[in-house]
Amino acid sequence: MKMLVVIVQSKDSNRLRKALTAAHIQMTQLSTTGGFLREGNATFLIGIEDDRVQDVLDVIKKNAKSREQYITSQMHDVEGGSALPVNVKVGGATVFVLPVDQFIKF
């Protein structure tokens, strides 16, 4: 058995949750906050049998897409002192796959 810790942007969380449910994958969703952009994220905790891990990864890959977004840089240009827009890649998913030694359900 494995535990998948899946972090996605809040924008992708509803679509991902619906897709996981449709694939009969049970999960727990937590609201979290990211560090770089300080925007809302969702963290999914998914306990799954080893032979279904790739199925879960396929659902995640299909439903958590990365995209480009302009943010205001914290750095200032030398002459004007104004903030500069910077194009960054956001979204997608960060997935940690962890071994589970024991699973107990009460």
C-alpha atoms as a PDB file:
ATOM      1  CA  MET A   1       0.000   0.000   0.000  1.00  0.00           C
ATOM      2  CA  LYS A   2       1.086   3.589  -0.713  1.00  0.00           C
ATOM      3  CA  MET A   3       0.102   7.012   0.557  1.00  0.00           C
ATOM      4  CA  LEU A   4       0.011   9.706  -2.100  1.00  0.00           C
ATOM      5  CA  VAL A   5       0.264  13.299  -0.929  1.00  0.00           C
ATOM      6  CA  VAL A   6      -0.918  15.406  -3.863  1.00  0.00           C
ATOM      7  CA  ILE A   7      -0.643  19.206  -3.881  1.00  0.00           C
ATOM      8  CA  VAL A   8      -2.540  21.146  -6.560  1.00  0.00           C
ATOM      9  CA  GLN A   9      -3.727  24.716  -7.013  1.00  0.00           C
ATOM     10  CA  SER A  10      -7.225  25.430  -5.723  1.00  0.00           C
ATOM     11  CA  LYS A  11      -8.255  26.142  -9.329  1.00  0.00           C
ATOM     12  CA  ASP A  12      -7.663  22.463 -10.152  1.00  0.00           C
ATOM     13  CA  SER A  13      -8.995  20.931  -6.936  1.00  0.00           C
ATOM     14  CA  ASN A  14     -12.684  20.568  -7.836  1.00  0.00           C
ATOM     15  CA  ARG A  15     -11.944  18.999 -11.214  1.00  0.00           C
ATOM     16  CA  LEU A  16      -9.407  16.625  -9.655  1.00  0.00           C
ATOM     17  CA  ARG A  17     -11.720  15.661  -6.774  1.00  0.00           C
ATOM     18  CA  LYS A  18     -14.553  14.853  -9.206  1.00  0.00           C
ATOM     19  CA  ALA A  19     -12.222  12.804 -11.430  1.00  0.00           C
ATOM     20  CA  LEU A  20     -10.835  10.834  -8.469  1.00  0.00           C
ATOM     21  CA  THR A  21     -14.367  10.138  -7.227  1.00  0.00           C
ATOM     22  CA  ALA A  22     -15.453   8.988 -10.704  1.00  0.00           C
ATOM     23  CA  ALA A  23     -12.475   6.594 -10.736  1.00  0.00           C
ATOM     24  CA  HIS A  24     -13.555   5.197  -7.320  1.00  0.00           C
ATOM     25  CA  ILE A  25     -10.461   6.575  -5.609  1.00  0.00           C
ATOM     26  CA  GLN A  26     -11.075   7.610  -2.013  1.00  0.00           C
ATOM     27  CA  MET A  27      -9.274  10.680  -0.742  1.00  0.00           C
ATOM     28  CA  THR A  28      -9.158  13.290   1.973  1.00  0.00           C
ATOM     29  CA  GLN A  29      -8.846  16.904   0.815  1.00  0.00           C
ATOM     30  CA  LEU A  30      -7.177  19.587   2.925  1.00  0.00           C
ATOM     31  CA  SER A  31      -7.054  23.313   2.210  1.00  0.00           C
ATOM     32  CA  THR A  32      -3.447  24.508   2.229  1.00  0.00           C
ATOM     33  CA  THR A  33      -1.460  27.590   1.217  1.00  0.00           C
ATOM     34  CA  GLY A  34       1.531  27.595  -1.096  1.00  0.00           C
ATOM     35  CA  GLY A  35       4.798  29.278  -0.262  1.00  0.00           C
ATOM     36  CA  PHE A  36       5.995  30.873  -3.514  1.00  0.00           C
ATOM     37  CA  LEU A  37       2.838  32.611  -4.748  1.00  0.00           C
ATOM     38  CA  ARG A  38       1.045  32.475  -1.381  1.00  0.00           C
ATOM     39  CA  GLU A  39      -2.105  31.287  -3.122  1.00  0.00           C
ATOM     40  CA  GLY A  40      -4.578  28.652  -2.068  1.00  0.00           C
ATOM     41  CA  ASN A  41      -3.762  25.035  -2.699  1.00  0.00           C
ATOM     42  CA  ALA A  42      -5.482  21.774  -2.021  1.00  0.00           C
ATOM     43  CA  THR A  43      -3.641  18.782  -0.616  1.00  0.00           C
ATOM     44  CA  PHE A  44      -5.135  15.359  -1.238  1.00  0.00           C
ATOM     45  CA  LEU A  45      -4.218  12.367   0.923  1.00  0.00           C
ATOM     46  CA  ILE A  46      -4.818   9.134  -0.958  1.00  0.00           C
ATOM     47  CA  GLY A  47      -4.208   5.661   0.445  1.00  0.00           C
ATOM     48  CA  ILE A  48      -4.116   3.182  -2.423  1.00  0.00           C
ATOM     49  CA  GLU A  49      -2.970  -0.345  -3.210  1.00  0.00           C
ATOM     50  CA  ASP A  50       0.354  -0.603  -5.024  1.00  0.00           C
ATOM     51  CA  ASP A  51      -1.207  -1.883  -8.258  1.00  0.00           C
ATOM     52  CA  ARG A  52      -3.468   1.210  -8.539  1.00  0.00           C
ATOM     53  CA  VAL A  53      -0.808   3.890  -8.014  1.00  0.00           C
ATOM     54  CA  GLN A  54      -0.304   4.430 -11.757  1.00  0.00           C
ATOM     55  CA  ASP A  55      -4.083   4.764 -12.250  1.00  0.00           C
ATOM     56  CA  VAL A  56      -4.154   7.550  -9.652  1.00  0.00           C
ATOM     57  CA  LEU A  57      -1.145   9.273 -11.233  1.00  0.00           C
ATOM     58  CA  ASP A  58      -2.873   9.165 -14.631  1.00  0.00           C
ATOM     59  CA  VAL A  59      -6.001  10.839 -13.211  1.00  0.00           C
ATOM     60  CA  ILE A  60      -3.879  13.517 -11.529  1.00  0.00           C
ATOM     61  CA  LYS A  61      -1.864  14.202 -14.680  1.00  0.00           C
ATOM     62  CA  LYS A  62      -5.041  14.581 -16.742  1.00  0.00           C
ATOM     63  CA  ASN A  63      -6.765  16.939 -14.306  1.00  0.00           C
ATOM     64  CA  ALA A  64      -4.024  19.161 -12.847  1.00  0.00           C
ATOM     65  CA  LYS A  65      -2.522  21.128 -15.713  1.00  0.00           C
ATOM     66  CA  SER A  66       0.325  23.597 -15.477  1.00  0.00           C
ATOM     67  CA  ARG A  67      -0.090  27.036 -17.012  1.00  0.00           C
ATOM     68  CA  GLU A  68       1.755  30.342 -17.239  1.00  0.00           C
ATOM     69  CA  GLN A  69       0.804  33.333 -15.111  1.00  0.00           C
ATOM     70  CA  TYR A  70       2.209  36.834 -14.720  1.00  0.00           C
ATOM     71  CA  ILE A  71       3.089  37.900 -11.195  1.00  0.00           C
ATOM     72  CA  THR A  72       4.539  41.136  -9.915  1.00  0.00           C
ATOM     73  CA  SER A  73       8.197  40.710  -9.087  1.00  0.00           C
ATOM     74  CA  GLN A  74       9.404  41.735  -5.646  1.00  0.00           C
ATOM     75  CA  MET A  75      12.568  43.034  -7.295  1.00  0.00           C
ATOM     76  CA  HIS A  76      12.693  46.603  -8.612  1.00  0.00           C
ATOM     77  CA  ASP A  77      14.328  47.746 -11.786  1.00  0.00           C
ATOM     78  CA  VAL A  78      17.374  49.957 -11.376  1.00  0.00           C
ATOM     79  CA  GLU A  79      16.105  53.181 -12.939  1.00  0.00           C
ATOM     80  CA  GLY A  80      12.383  53.512 -12.187  1.00  0.00           C
ATOM     81  CA  GLY A  81      11.988  51.528  -8.996  1.00  0.00           C
ATOM     82  CA  SER A  82       8.748  49.973 -10.246  1.00  0.00           C
ATOM     83  CA  ALA A  83       7.802  46.325  -9.893  1.00  0.00           C
ATOM     84  CA  LEU A  84       8.228  44.214 -13.014  1.00  0.00           C
ATOM     85  CA  PRO A  85       5.768  41.562 -14.195  1.00  0.00           C
ATOM     86  CA  VAL A  86       7.367  38.114 -14.409  1.00  0.00           C
ATOM     87  CA  ASN A  87       5.949  35.155 -16.307  1.00  0.00           C
ATOM     88  CA  VAL A  88       6.045  31.979 -14.150  1.00  0.00           C
ATOM     89  CA  LYS A  89       4.802  28.426 -14.583  1.00  0.00           C
ATOM     90  CA  VAL A  90       2.064  27.563 -12.057  1.00  0.00           C
ATOM     91  CA  GLY A  91      -0.363  24.725 -11.510  1.00  0.00           C
ATOM     92  CA  GLY A  92       0.222  21.112 -12.208  1.00  0.00           C
ATOM     93  CA  ALA A  93       0.659  18.782  -9.283  1.00  0.00           C
ATOM     94  CA  THR A  94       3.343  17.843  -6.814  1.00  0.00           C
ATOM     95  CA  VAL A  95       2.977  14.210  -5.758  1.00  0.00           C
ATOM     96  CA  PHE A  96       4.788  12.377  -2.979  1.00  0.00           C
ATOM     97  CA  VAL A  97       4.442   8.584  -3.015  1.00  0.00           C
ATOM     98  CA  LEU A  98       5.148   7.134   0.414  1.00  0.00           C
ATOM     99  CA  PRO A  99       5.209   3.518   1.598  1.00  0.00           C
ATOM    100  CA  VAL A 100       2.564   2.551   4.165  1.00  0.00           C
ATOM    101  CA  ASP A 101       3.683   0.015   6.752  1.00  0.00           C
ATOM    102  CA  GLN A 102       0.272  -0.399   8.324  1.00  0.00           C
ATOM    103  CA  PHE A 103      -3.288   0.677   7.556  1.00  0.00           C
ATOM    104  CA  ILE A 104      -5.927   0.554  10.282  1.00  0.00           C
ATOM    105  CA  LYS A 105      -9.543   1.621   9.883  1.00  0.00           C
ATOM    106  CA  PHE A 106     -11.789   1.864  12.944  1.00  0.00           C
END
